[in-house]
Structures are given as C-alpha cells and as structure tokens.
Protein backbone atom coordinates (compact mmCIF):
# COMPACT_ATOMS: atom_id res chain seq x y z
CA MET A 1 52.19 -1.06 10.10
CA THR A 2 49.77 -4.64 10.14
CA LYS A 3 49.83 -6.81 7.58
CA PHE A 4 47.15 -7.68 5.35
CA VAL A 5 45.31 -11.34 6.42
CA PRO A 6 42.81 -12.74 4.27
CA TYR A 7 39.60 -13.23 5.40
CA GLU A 8 39.75 -16.95 5.47
CA LYS A 9 42.90 -16.91 7.21
CA ARG A 10 41.82 -15.04 10.13
CA SER A 11 40.59 -16.49 13.27
CA LYS A 12 37.27 -17.58 14.06
CA LYS A 13 36.89 -14.82 16.77
CA GLU A 14 38.35 -12.20 14.13
CA ARG A 15 35.90 -13.29 11.36
CA LYS A 16 32.84 -13.08 14.17
CA LYS A 17 33.87 -9.37 14.85
CA ILE A 18 34.08 -8.32 11.41
CA ASP A 19 30.72 -9.89 10.46
CA ALA A 20 29.12 -8.43 13.59
CA VAL A 21 30.04 -4.74 12.44
CA LYS A 22 28.89 -5.19 8.80
CA ARG A 23 25.53 -6.68 10.11
CA ARG A 24 24.54 -3.95 12.93
CA ASP A 25 20.99 -3.18 12.21
CA TRP A 26 17.95 -2.90 10.51
CA ASN A 27 17.14 0.69 10.74
CA GLY A 28 13.61 0.18 12.45
CA VAL A 29 12.68 -2.25 9.87
CA ASP A 30 11.23 -5.70 11.57
CA PRO A 31 12.59 -8.61 9.47
CA SER A 32 9.73 -10.82 10.64
CA THR A 33 6.99 -8.96 9.21
CA LYS A 34 9.18 -8.17 5.75
CA THR A 35 7.41 -12.01 4.33
CA ILE A 36 6.69 -12.42 0.60
CA PRO A 37 2.98 -13.50 0.28
CA SER A 38 2.43 -16.95 -1.37
CA LYS A 39 1.31 -17.34 -4.99
CA LYS A 40 -0.72 -20.40 -4.13
CA ASN A 41 -3.07 -18.27 -2.07
CA VAL A 42 -6.09 -17.58 -4.72
CA HIS A 43 -8.67 -14.80 -3.12
CA VAL A 44 -11.88 -15.09 -4.77
CA ARG A 45 -14.29 -12.35 -3.77
CA LYS A 46 -17.54 -13.68 -2.67
CA PRO A 47 -20.60 -11.77 -3.82
CA LYS A 48 -22.59 -10.11 -1.67
CA HIS A 49 -25.89 -10.99 -2.78
CA PRO A 50 -25.30 -14.47 -3.15
CA THR A 51 -27.96 -16.33 -5.89
CA GLY A 52 -28.52 -20.13 -6.30
CA TYR A 53 -31.11 -20.53 -3.73
CA ASP A 54 -34.96 -20.15 -2.96
CA GLU A 55 -36.07 -17.63 -0.98
CA ALA A 56 -39.78 -19.33 0.13
C-alpha cells in the first residue's frame, strides 16, 4: 500500500502528470472561439433610407 502524499508536497513532475490527466481535452470545442463580446461596443442600426439631405 502506498502512502498518501499531499498534492503540494509532490514533485513537480508528478504534479504535472496529475494536472495533464485532469485537463485532457475540450470535447471538440475550440476555446479560442468562445470569447465574450465587449459591452463597450454599441451597435446602432443605420436607417435604410437616410433622410437629411436634399435630392436636387
């Protein structure tokens, strides 16, 4: 039976192995496309038929 060793006391290599197993894959999801849109951008629709100029 092996002794229990806390995560913090393990060697750097062992911690990297444990982290790699926990972090396997994204199940087909591309993390770079999952961005949160900025709330600073204001999307104002322009009118289809602008008024304010004279057709002469």
